[in-house]
Amino acid sequence: GAQATLLGRHAVASTVMDKSQISKRWPYLDDLSSSG
């Protein structure tokens, strides 16, 4: 979240995502061990 804020100050778009958002955008990543 802090990194996204830093990037935003430079007008670099980024998004913090949870596991369900990731698997919805990239269905082949539905077996991640990560939570976000």
Full PDB file with SEQRES, HELIX, SHEET, SSBOND, CRYST1, ORIGX, SCALE, CONECT and MASTER records, all heavy atoms in Angstrom:
SEQRES   1 A   36  GLY ALA GLN ALA THR LEU LEU GLY ARG HIS ALA VAL ALA          
SEQRES   2 A   36  SER THR VAL MET ASP LYS SER GLN ILE SER LYS ARG TRP          
SEQRES   3 A   36  PRO TYR LEU ASP ASP LEU SER SER SER GLY                      
HELIX    1 AA1 ALA A    2  ARG A    9  1                                   8    
HELIX    2 AA2 LYS A   19  ARG A   25  1                                   7    
HELIX    3 AA3 PRO A   27  LEU A   29  5                                   3    
CRYST1    1.000    1.000    1.000  90.00  90.00  90.00 P 1           1          
ORIGX1      1.000000  0.000000  0.000000        0.00000                         
ORIGX2      0.000000  1.000000  0.000000        0.00000                         
ORIGX3      0.000000  0.000000  1.000000        0.00000                         
SCALE1      1.000000  0.000000  0.000000        0.00000                         
SCALE2      0.000000  1.000000  0.000000        0.00000                         
SCALE3      0.000000  0.000000  1.000000        0.00000                         
ATOM      1  N   GLY A   1       0.820  -1.210   0.000  1.00  0.00           N  
ATOM      2  CA  GLY A   1       0.000   0.000   0.000  1.00  0.00           C  
ATOM      3  C   GLY A   1       0.849   1.253   0.000  1.00  0.00           C  
ATOM      4  O   GLY A   1       0.569   2.219  -0.730  1.00  0.00           O  
ATOM      5  N   ALA A   2       1.914   1.246   0.819  1.00  0.00           N  
ATOM      6  CA  ALA A   2       2.830   2.392   0.853  1.00  0.00           C  
ATOM      7  C   ALA A   2       3.547   2.548  -0.483  1.00  0.00           C  
ATOM      8  O   ALA A   2       3.781   3.676  -0.956  1.00  0.00           O  
ATOM      9  CB  ALA A   2       3.831   2.208   1.984  1.00  0.00           C  
ATOM     10  N   GLN A   3       3.884   1.415  -1.112  1.00  0.00           N  
ATOM     11  CA  GLN A   3       4.553   1.464  -2.408  1.00  0.00           C  
ATOM     12  C   GLN A   3       3.615   2.043  -3.470  1.00  0.00           C  
ATOM     13  O   GLN A   3       4.038   2.842  -4.317  1.00  0.00           O  
ATOM     14  CB  GLN A   3       5.002   0.060  -2.812  1.00  0.00           C  
ATOM     15  CG  GLN A   3       5.867   0.010  -4.054  1.00  0.00           C  
ATOM     16  CD  GLN A   3       6.355  -1.405  -4.360  1.00  0.00           C  
ATOM     17  OE1 GLN A   3       6.126  -2.340  -3.599  1.00  0.00           O  
ATOM     18  NE2 GLN A   3       7.033  -1.556  -5.486  1.00  0.00           N  
ATOM     19  N   ALA A   4       2.344   1.664  -3.419  1.00  0.00           N  
ATOM     20  CA  ALA A   4       1.370   2.204  -4.368  1.00  0.00           C  
ATOM     21  C   ALA A   4       1.233   3.718  -4.197  1.00  0.00           C  
ATOM     22  O   ALA A   4       1.093   4.464  -5.184  1.00  0.00           O  
ATOM     23  CB  ALA A   4       0.019   1.522  -4.173  1.00  0.00           C  
ATOM     24  N   THR A   5       1.301   4.185  -2.951  1.00  0.00           N  
ATOM     25  CA  THR A   5       1.248   5.628  -2.701  1.00  0.00           C  
ATOM     26  C   THR A   5       2.456   6.327  -3.313  1.00  0.00           C  
ATOM     27  O   THR A   5       2.340   7.395  -3.931  1.00  0.00           O  
ATOM     28  CB  THR A   5       1.192   5.898  -1.186  1.00  0.00           C  
ATOM     29  OG1 THR A   5       0.019   5.281  -0.640  1.00  0.00           O  
ATOM     30  CG2 THR A   5       1.163   7.393  -0.909  1.00  0.00           C  
ATOM     31  N   LEU A   6       3.641   5.724  -3.120  1.00  0.00           N  
ATOM     32  CA  LEU A   6       4.863   6.271  -3.717  1.00  0.00           C  
ATOM     33  C   LEU A   6       4.730   6.363  -5.230  1.00  0.00           C  
ATOM     34  O   LEU A   6       5.028   7.398  -5.844  1.00  0.00           O  
ATOM     35  CB  LEU A   6       6.057   5.397  -3.344  1.00  0.00           C  
ATOM     36  CG  LEU A   6       7.352   5.622  -4.137  1.00  0.00           C  
ATOM     37  CD1 LEU A   6       7.925   7.010  -3.852  1.00  0.00           C  
ATOM     38  CD2 LEU A   6       8.384   4.537  -3.827  1.00  0.00           C  
ATOM     39  N   LEU A   7       4.280   5.286  -5.861  1.00  0.00           N  
ATOM     40  CA  LEU A   7       4.138   5.282  -7.318  1.00  0.00           C  
ATOM     41  C   LEU A   7       3.114   6.325  -7.766  1.00  0.00           C  
ATOM     42  O   LEU A   7       3.299   6.985  -8.794  1.00  0.00           O  
ATOM     43  CB  LEU A   7       3.730   3.888  -7.796  1.00  0.00           C  
ATOM     44  CG  LEU A   7       4.769   2.784  -7.578  1.00  0.00           C  
ATOM     45  CD1 LEU A   7       4.174   1.421  -7.933  1.00  0.00           C  
ATOM     46  CD2 LEU A   7       6.018   3.033  -8.388  1.00  0.00           C  
ATOM     47  N   GLY A   8       2.044   6.478  -6.991  1.00  0.00           N  
ATOM     48  CA  GLY A   8       1.028   7.456  -7.336  1.00  0.00           C  
ATOM     49  C   GLY A   8       1.557   8.879  -7.342  1.00  0.00           C  
ATOM     50  O   GLY A   8       1.108   9.712  -8.144  1.00  0.00           O  
ATOM     51  N   ARG A   9       2.519   9.173  -6.457  1.00  0.00           N  
ATOM     52  CA  ARG A   9       3.106  10.518  -6.446  1.00  0.00           C  
ATOM     53  C   ARG A   9       3.839  10.818  -7.743  1.00  0.00           C  
ATOM     54  O   ARG A   9       4.063  11.980  -8.089  1.00  0.00           O  
ATOM     55  CB  ARG A   9       4.068  10.656  -5.253  1.00  0.00           C  
ATOM     56  CG  ARG A   9       3.368  10.726  -3.910  1.00  0.00           C  
ATOM     57  CD  ARG A   9       4.268  11.349  -2.849  1.00  0.00           C  
ATOM     58  NE  ARG A   9       5.427  10.530  -2.553  1.00  0.00           N  
ATOM     59  CZ  ARG A   9       5.480   9.621  -1.581  1.00  0.00           C  
ATOM     60  NH1 ARG A   9       4.414   9.414  -0.815  1.00  0.00           N  
ATOM     61  NH2 ARG A   9       6.576   8.931  -1.365  1.00  0.00           N  
ATOM     62  N   HIS A  10       4.246   9.761  -8.471  1.00  0.00           N  
ATOM     63  CA  HIS A  10       4.929   9.930  -9.756  1.00  0.00           C  
ATOM     64  C   HIS A  10       3.992   9.657 -10.936  1.00  0.00           C  
ATOM     65  O   HIS A  10       4.457   9.488 -12.068  1.00  0.00           O  
ATOM     66  CB  HIS A  10       6.130   9.000  -9.837  1.00  0.00           C  
ATOM     67  CG  HIS A  10       7.240   9.356  -8.890  1.00  0.00           C  
ATOM     68  ND1 HIS A  10       8.140  10.354  -9.155  1.00  0.00           N  
ATOM     69  CD2 HIS A  10       7.567   8.863  -7.669  1.00  0.00           C  
ATOM     70  CE1 HIS A  10       8.996  10.458  -8.151  1.00  0.00           C  
ATOM     71  NE2 HIS A  10       8.667   9.566  -7.241  1.00  0.00           N  
ATOM     72  N   ALA A  11       2.684   9.598 -10.646  1.00  0.00           N  
ATOM     73  CA  ALA A  11       1.668   9.339 -11.685  1.00  0.00           C  
ATOM     74  C   ALA A  11       1.869   7.980 -12.353  1.00  0.00           C  
ATOM     75  O   ALA A  11       1.568   7.810 -13.540  1.00  0.00           O  
ATOM     76  CB  ALA A  11       1.663  10.460 -12.725  1.00  0.00           C  
ATOM     77  N   VAL A  12       2.391   7.024 -11.591  1.00  0.00           N  
ATOM     78  CA  VAL A  12       2.526   5.646 -12.072  1.00  0.00           C  
ATOM     79  C   VAL A  12       1.380   4.844 -11.466  1.00  0.00           C  
ATOM     80  O   VAL A  12       1.288   4.705 -10.240  1.00  0.00           O  
ATOM     81  CB  VAL A  12       3.880   5.029 -11.666  1.00  0.00           C  
ATOM     82  CG1 VAL A  12       3.949   3.559 -12.101  1.00  0.00           C  
ATOM     83  CG2 VAL A  12       5.032   5.824 -12.266  1.00  0.00           C  
ATOM     84  N   ALA A  13       0.515   4.323 -12.301  1.00  0.00           N  
ATOM     85  CA  ALA A  13      -0.668   3.612 -11.821  1.00  0.00           C  
ATOM     86  C   ALA A  13      -0.292   2.245 -11.267  1.00  0.00           C  
ATOM     87  O   ALA A  13       0.499   1.510 -11.865  1.00  0.00           O  
ATOM     88  CB  ALA A  13      -1.679   3.461 -12.953  1.00  0.00           C  
ATOM     89  N   SER A  14      -0.861   1.905 -10.111  1.00  0.00           N  
ATOM     90  CA  SER A  14      -0.673   0.578  -9.528  1.00  0.00           C  
ATOM     91  C   SER A  14      -1.879   0.270  -8.662  1.00  0.00           C  
ATOM     92  O   SER A  14      -2.619   1.184  -8.250  1.00  0.00           O  
ATOM     93  CB  SER A  14       0.614   0.507  -8.701  1.00  0.00           C  
ATOM     94  OG  SER A  14       0.543   1.375  -7.576  1.00  0.00           O  
ATOM     95  N   THR A  15      -2.085  -1.013  -8.382  1.00  0.00           N  
ATOM     96  CA  THR A  15      -3.259  -1.441  -7.635  1.00  0.00           C  
ATOM     97  C   THR A  15      -2.882  -2.533  -6.650  1.00  0.00           C  
ATOM     98  O   THR A  15      -2.194  -3.494  -7.014  1.00  0.00           O  
ATOM     99  CB  THR A  15      -4.338  -2.011  -8.590  1.00  0.00           C  
ATOM    100  OG1 THR A  15      -4.608  -1.062  -9.626  1.00  0.00           O  
ATOM    101  CG2 THR A  15      -5.619  -2.323  -7.832  1.00  0.00           C  
ATOM    102  N   VAL A  16      -3.316  -2.382  -5.391  1.00  0.00           N  
ATOM    103  CA  VAL A  16      -3.193  -3.461  -4.415  1.00  0.00           C  
ATOM    104  C   VAL A  16      -4.416  -4.357  -4.583  1.00  0.00           C  
ATOM    105  O   VAL A  16      -5.559  -3.884  -4.566  1.00  0.00           O  
ATOM    106  CB  VAL A  16      -3.105  -2.910  -2.975  1.00  0.00           C  
ATOM    107  CG1 VAL A  16      -3.045  -4.059  -1.971  1.00  0.00           C  
ATOM    108  CG2 VAL A  16      -1.882  -2.009  -2.824  1.00  0.00           C  
ATOM    109  N   MET A  17      -4.186  -5.658  -4.765  1.00  0.00           N  
ATOM    110  CA  MET A  17      -5.264  -6.597  -5.087  1.00  0.00           C  
ATOM    111  C   MET A  17      -5.267  -7.749  -4.100  1.00  0.00           C  
ATOM    112  O   MET A  17      -4.202  -8.174  -3.623  1.00  0.00           O  
ATOM    113  CB  MET A  17      -5.069  -7.142  -6.516  1.00  0.00           C  
ATOM    114  CG  MET A  17      -4.843  -6.077  -7.572  1.00  0.00           C  
ATOM    115  SD  MET A  17      -4.438  -6.754  -9.210  1.00  0.00           S  
ATOM    116  CE  MET A  17      -6.035  -7.372  -9.716  1.00  0.00           C  
ATOM    117  N   ASP A  18      -6.457  -8.285  -3.812  1.00  0.00           N  
ATOM    118  CA  ASP A  18      -6.520  -9.507  -3.011  1.00  0.00           C  
ATOM    119  C   ASP A  18      -6.529 -10.716  -3.945  1.00  0.00           C  
ATOM    120  O   ASP A  18      -6.570 -10.579  -5.176  1.00  0.00           O  
ATOM    121  CB  ASP A  18      -7.720  -9.506  -2.061  1.00  0.00           C  
ATOM    122  CG  ASP A  18      -9.069  -9.455  -2.790  1.00  0.00           C  
ATOM    123  OD1 ASP A  18      -9.141  -9.927  -3.945  1.00  0.00           O  
ATOM    124  OD2 ASP A  18     -10.031  -8.948  -2.200  1.00  0.00           O  
ATOM    125  N   LYS A  19      -6.509 -11.889  -3.340  1.00  0.00           N  
ATOM    126  CA  LYS A  19      -6.360 -13.117  -4.141  1.00  0.00           C  
ATOM    127  C   LYS A  19      -7.517 -13.306  -5.120  1.00  0.00           C  
ATOM    128  O   LYS A  19      -7.305 -13.719  -6.269  1.00  0.00           O  
ATOM    129  CB  LYS A  19      -6.254 -14.311  -3.195  1.00  0.00           C  
ATOM    130  CG  LYS A  19      -5.932 -15.621  -3.879  1.00  0.00           C  
ATOM    131  CD  LYS A  19      -5.666 -16.724  -2.880  1.00  0.00           C  
ATOM    132  CE  LYS A  19      -5.280 -18.022  -3.580  1.00  0.00           C  
ATOM    133  NZ  LYS A  19      -4.942 -19.082  -2.597  1.00  0.00           N  
ATOM    134  N   SER A  20      -8.723 -12.990  -4.693  1.00  0.00           N  
ATOM    135  CA  SER A  20      -9.878 -13.185  -5.571  1.00  0.00           C  
ATOM    136  C   SER A  20      -9.826 -12.224  -6.765  1.00  0.00           C  
ATOM    137  O   SER A  20     -10.180 -12.606  -7.889  1.00  0.00           O  
ATOM    138  CB  SER A  20     -11.180 -12.980  -4.781  1.00  0.00           C  
ATOM    139  OG  SER A  20     -11.275 -11.652  -4.297  1.00  0.00           O  
ATOM    140  N   GLN A  21      -9.385 -11.005  -6.538  1.00  0.00           N  
ATOM    141  CA  GLN A  21      -9.246 -10.050  -7.645  1.00  0.00           C  
ATOM    142  C   GLN A  21      -8.186 -10.499  -8.643  1.00  0.00           C  
ATOM    143  O   GLN A  21      -8.339 -10.335  -9.853  1.00  0.00           O  
ATOM    144  CB  GLN A  21      -8.904  -8.667  -7.095  1.00  0.00           C  
ATOM    145  CG  GLN A  21     -10.023  -8.001  -6.318  1.00  0.00           C  
ATOM    146  CD  GLN A  21      -9.566  -6.737  -5.615  1.00  0.00           C  
ATOM    147  OE1 GLN A  21      -8.503  -6.722  -4.975  1.00  0.00           O  
ATOM    148  NE2 GLN A  21     -10.354  -5.680  -5.723  1.00  0.00           N  
ATOM    149  N   ILE A  22      -7.108 -11.078  -8.119  1.00  0.00           N  
ATOM    150  CA  ILE A  22      -6.038 -11.561  -8.998  1.00  0.00           C  
ATOM    151  C   ILE A  22      -6.523 -12.719  -9.854  1.00  0.00           C  
ATOM    152  O   ILE A  22      -6.326 -12.741 -11.078  1.00  0.00           O  
ATOM    153  CB  ILE A  22      -4.816 -11.971  -8.155  1.00  0.00           C  
ATOM    154  CG1 ILE A  22      -4.180 -10.739  -7.508  1.00  0.00           C  
ATOM    155  CG2 ILE A  22      -3.782 -12.711  -9.023  1.00  0.00           C  
ATOM    156  CD1 ILE A  22      -3.108 -11.064  -6.477  1.00  0.00           C  
ATOM    157  N   SER A  23      -7.187 -13.698  -9.242  1.00  0.00           N  
ATOM    158  CA  SER A  23      -7.640 -14.870  -9.997  1.00  0.00           C  
ATOM    159  C   SER A  23      -8.745 -14.511 -10.980  1.00  0.00           C  
ATOM    160  O   SER A  23      -8.882 -15.145 -12.036  1.00  0.00           O  
ATOM    161  CB  SER A  23      -8.118 -15.970  -9.043  1.00  0.00           C  
ATOM    162  OG  SER A  23      -9.205 -15.522  -8.261  1.00  0.00           O  
ATOM    163  N   LYS A  24      -9.527 -13.472 -10.663  1.00  0.00           N  
ATOM    164  CA  LYS A  24     -10.563 -13.040 -11.600  1.00  0.00           C  
ATOM    165  C   LYS A  24      -9.942 -12.396 -12.834  1.00  0.00           C  
ATOM    166  O   LYS A  24     -10.395 -12.627 -13.959  1.00  0.00           O  
ATOM    167  CB  LYS A  24     -11.505 -12.056 -10.910  1.00  0.00           C  
ATOM    168  CG  LYS A  24     -12.662 -11.601 -11.791  1.00  0.00           C  
ATOM    169  CD  LYS A  24     -13.610 -10.685 -11.034  1.00  0.00           C  
ATOM    170  CE  LYS A  24     -14.771 -10.243 -11.924  1.00  0.00           C  
ATOM    171  NZ  LYS A  24     -15.708  -9.346 -11.189  1.00  0.00           N  
ATOM    172  N   ARG A  25      -8.873 -11.613 -12.623  1.00  0.00           N  
ATOM    173  CA  ARG A  25      -8.229 -10.943 -13.764  1.00  0.00           C  
ATOM    174  C   ARG A  25      -7.374 -11.914 -14.563  1.00  0.00           C  
ATOM    175  O   ARG A  25      -7.318 -11.833 -15.792  1.00  0.00           O  
ATOM    176  CB  ARG A  25      -7.383  -9.775 -13.259  1.00  0.00           C  
ATOM    177  CG  ARG A  25      -6.656  -9.059 -14.378  1.00  0.00           C  
ATOM    178  CD  ARG A  25      -6.286  -7.659 -14.027  1.00  0.00           C  
ATOM    179  NE  ARG A  25      -5.710  -6.955 -15.152  1.00  0.00           N  
ATOM    180  CZ  ARG A  25      -5.436  -5.668 -15.175  1.00  0.00           C  
ATOM    181  NH1 ARG A  25      -5.712  -4.911 -14.113  1.00  0.00           N  
ATOM    182  NH2 ARG A  25      -4.909  -5.096 -16.237  1.00  0.00           N  
ATOM    183  N   TRP A  26      -6.662 -12.818 -13.862  1.00  0.00           N  
ATOM    184  CA  TRP A  26      -5.801 -13.795 -14.523  1.00  0.00           C  
ATOM    185  C   TRP A  26      -6.218 -15.191 -14.036  1.00  0.00           C  
ATOM    186  O   TRP A  26      -5.655 -15.720 -13.059  1.00  0.00           O  
ATOM    187  CB  TRP A  26      -4.325 -13.537 -14.177  1.00  0.00           C  
ATOM    188  CG  TRP A  26      -3.829 -12.183 -14.599  1.00  0.00           C  
ATOM    189  CD1 TRP A  26      -3.509 -11.771 -15.854  1.00  0.00           C  
ATOM    190  CD2 TRP A  26      -3.596 -11.048 -13.740  1.00  0.00           C  
ATOM    191  NE1 TRP A  26      -3.089 -10.462 -15.845  1.00  0.00           N  
ATOM    192  CE2 TRP A  26      -3.125  -9.989 -14.569  1.00  0.00           C  
ATOM    193  CE3 TRP A  26      -3.714 -10.826 -12.364  1.00  0.00           C  
ATOM    194  CZ2 TRP A  26      -2.799  -8.735 -14.061  1.00  0.00           C  
ATOM    195  CZ3 TRP A  26      -3.404  -9.575 -11.855  1.00  0.00           C  
ATOM    196  CH2 TRP A  26      -2.946  -8.546 -12.695  1.00  0.00           C  
ATOM    197  N   PRO A  27      -7.207 -15.810 -14.682  1.00  0.00           N  
ATOM    198  CA  PRO A  27      -7.750 -17.088 -14.204  1.00  0.00           C  
ATOM    199  C   PRO A  27      -6.698 -18.188 -14.041  1.00  0.00           C  
ATOM    200  O   PRO A  27      -6.864 -19.089 -13.200  1.00  0.00           O  
ATOM    201  CB  PRO A  27      -8.763 -17.457 -15.296  1.00  0.00           C  
ATOM    202  CG  PRO A  27      -9.173 -16.148 -15.891  1.00  0.00           C  
ATOM    203  CD  PRO A  27      -7.939 -15.297 -15.847  1.00  0.00           C  
ATOM    204  N   TYR A  28      -5.626 -18.131 -14.803  1.00  0.00           N  
ATOM    205  CA  TYR A  28      -4.591 -19.157 -14.679  1.00  0.00           C  
ATOM    206  C   TYR A  28      -3.754 -18.980 -13.411  1.00  0.00           C  
ATOM    207  O   TYR A  28      -2.885 -19.809 -13.121  1.00  0.00           O  
ATOM    208  CB  TYR A  28      -3.686 -19.165 -15.917  1.00  0.00           C  
ATOM    209  CG  TYR A  28      -3.176 -17.807 -16.347  1.00  0.00           C  
ATOM    210  CD1 TYR A  28      -2.075 -17.218 -15.742  1.00  0.00           C  
ATOM    211  CD2 TYR A  28      -3.823 -17.101 -17.370  1.00  0.00           C  
ATOM    212  CE1 TYR A  28      -1.610 -15.975 -16.129  1.00  0.00           C  
ATOM    213  CE2 TYR A  28      -3.363 -15.851 -17.765  1.00  0.00           C  
ATOM    214  CZ  TYR A  28      -2.267 -15.292 -17.139  1.00  0.00           C  
ATOM    215  OH  TYR A  28      -1.815 -14.056 -17.522  1.00  0.00           O  
ATOM    216  N   LEU A  29      -4.020 -17.908 -12.638  1.00  0.00           N  
ATOM    217  CA  LEU A  29      -3.331 -17.707 -11.366  1.00  0.00           C  
ATOM    218  C   LEU A  29      -4.256 -18.047 -10.187  1.00  0.00           C  
ATOM    219  O   LEU A  29      -4.172 -17.436  -9.122  1.00  0.00           O  
ATOM    220  CB  LEU A  29      -2.846 -16.255 -11.237  1.00  0.00           C  
ATOM    221  CG  LEU A  29      -1.810 -15.794 -12.259  1.00  0.00           C  
ATOM    222  CD1 LEU A  29      -1.430 -14.337 -12.022  1.00  0.00           C  
ATOM    223  CD2 LEU A  29      -0.565 -16.680 -12.197  1.00  0.00           C  
ATOM    224  N   ASP A  30      -5.134 -19.022 -10.375  1.00  0.00           N  
ATOM    225  CA  ASP A  30      -6.082 -19.376  -9.318  1.00  0.00           C  
ATOM    226  C   ASP A  30      -5.484 -20.307  -8.272  1.00  0.00           C  
ATOM    227  O   ASP A  30      -6.140 -20.679  -7.307  1.00  0.00           O  
ATOM    228  CB  ASP A  30      -7.333 -20.033  -9.921  1.00  0.00           C  
ATOM    229  CG  ASP A  30      -7.021 -21.295 -10.714  1.00  0.00           C  
ATOM    230  OD1 ASP A  30      -5.821 -21.605 -10.891  1.00  0.00           O  
ATOM    231  OD2 ASP A  30      -7.965 -21.960 -11.178  1.00  0.00           O  
ATOM    232  N   ASP A  31      -4.197 -20.680  -8.450  1.00  0.00           N  
ATOM    233  CA  ASP A  31      -3.558 -21.589  -7.501  1.00  0.00           C  
ATOM    234  C   ASP A  31      -2.416 -20.907  -6.755  1.00  0.00           C  
ATOM    235  O   ASP A  31      -1.469 -21.558  -6.322  1.00  0.00           O  
ATOM    236  CB  ASP A  31      -3.038 -22.828  -8.250  1.00  0.00           C  
ATOM    237  CG  ASP A  31      -2.752 -23.991  -7.311  1.00  0.00           C  
ATOM    238  OD1 ASP A  31      -3.338 -24.009  -6.210  1.00  0.00           O  
ATOM    239  OD2 ASP A  31      -1.931 -24.859  -7.663  1.00  0.00           O  
ATOM    240  N   LEU A  32      -2.506 -19.592  -6.589  1.00  0.00           N  
ATOM    241  CA  LEU A  32      -1.461 -18.862  -5.887  1.00  0.00           C  
ATOM    242  C   LEU A  32      -1.434 -19.220  -4.405  1.00  0.00           C  
ATOM    243  O   LEU A  32      -2.480 -19.444  -3.787  1.00  0.00           O  
ATOM    244  CB  LEU A  32      -1.685 -17.354  -6.016  1.00  0.00           C  
ATOM    245  CG  LEU A  32      -1.477 -16.703  -7.383  1.00  0.00           C  
ATOM    246  CD1 LEU A  32      -1.889 -15.239  -7.312  1.00  0.00           C  
ATOM    247  CD2 LEU A  32      -0.031 -16.822  -7.828  1.00  0.00           C  
ATOM    248  N   SER A  33      -0.231 -19.217  -3.838  1.00  0.00           N  
ATOM    249  CA  SER A  33      -0.115 -19.398  -2.391  1.00  0.00           C  
ATOM    250  C   SER A  33      -0.242 -18.072  -1.659  1.00  0.00           C  
ATOM    251  O   SER A  33      -0.352 -18.040  -0.433  1.00  0.00           O  
ATOM    252  CB  SER A  33       1.241 -20.045  -2.055  1.00  0.00           C  
ATOM    253  OG  SER A  33       2.306 -19.167  -2.399  1.00  0.00           O  
ATOM    254  N   SER A  34      -0.233 -16.964  -2.395  1.00  0.00           N  
ATOM    255  CA  SER A  34      -0.272 -15.633  -1.799  1.00  0.00           C  
ATOM    256  C   SER A  34      -1.700 -15.198  -1.488  1.00  0.00           C  
ATOM    257  O   SER A  34      -2.663 -15.709  -2.080  1.00  0.00           O  
ATOM    258  CB  SER A  34       0.368 -14.617  -2.736  1.00  0.00           C  
ATOM    259  OG  SER A  34       1.691 -14.992  -3.058  1.00  0.00           O  
ATOM    260  N   SER A  35      -1.831 -14.222  -0.596  1.00  0.00           N  
ATOM    261  CA  SER A  35      -3.144 -13.693  -0.243  1.00  0.00           C  
ATOM    262  C   SER A  35      -3.453 -12.396  -0.973  1.00  0.00           C  
ATOM    263  O   SER A  35      -4.588 -11.921  -0.950  1.00  0.00           O  
ATOM    264  CB  SER A  35      -3.233 -13.474   1.269  1.00  0.00           C  
ATOM    265  OG  SER A  35      -2.195 -12.614   1.711  1.00  0.00           O  
ATOM    266  N   GLY A  36      -2.446 -11.796  -1.596  1.00  0.00           N  
ATOM    267  CA  GLY A  36      -2.664 -10.564  -2.326  1.00  0.00           C  
ATOM    268  C   GLY A  36      -1.387 -10.060  -2.948  1.00  0.00           C  
ATOM    269  O   GLY A  36      -0.329 -10.698  -2.841  1.00  0.00           O  
TER     270      GLY A  36                                                      
MASTER        0    0    0    3    0    0    0    6  269    1    0    3          
END                                                                             
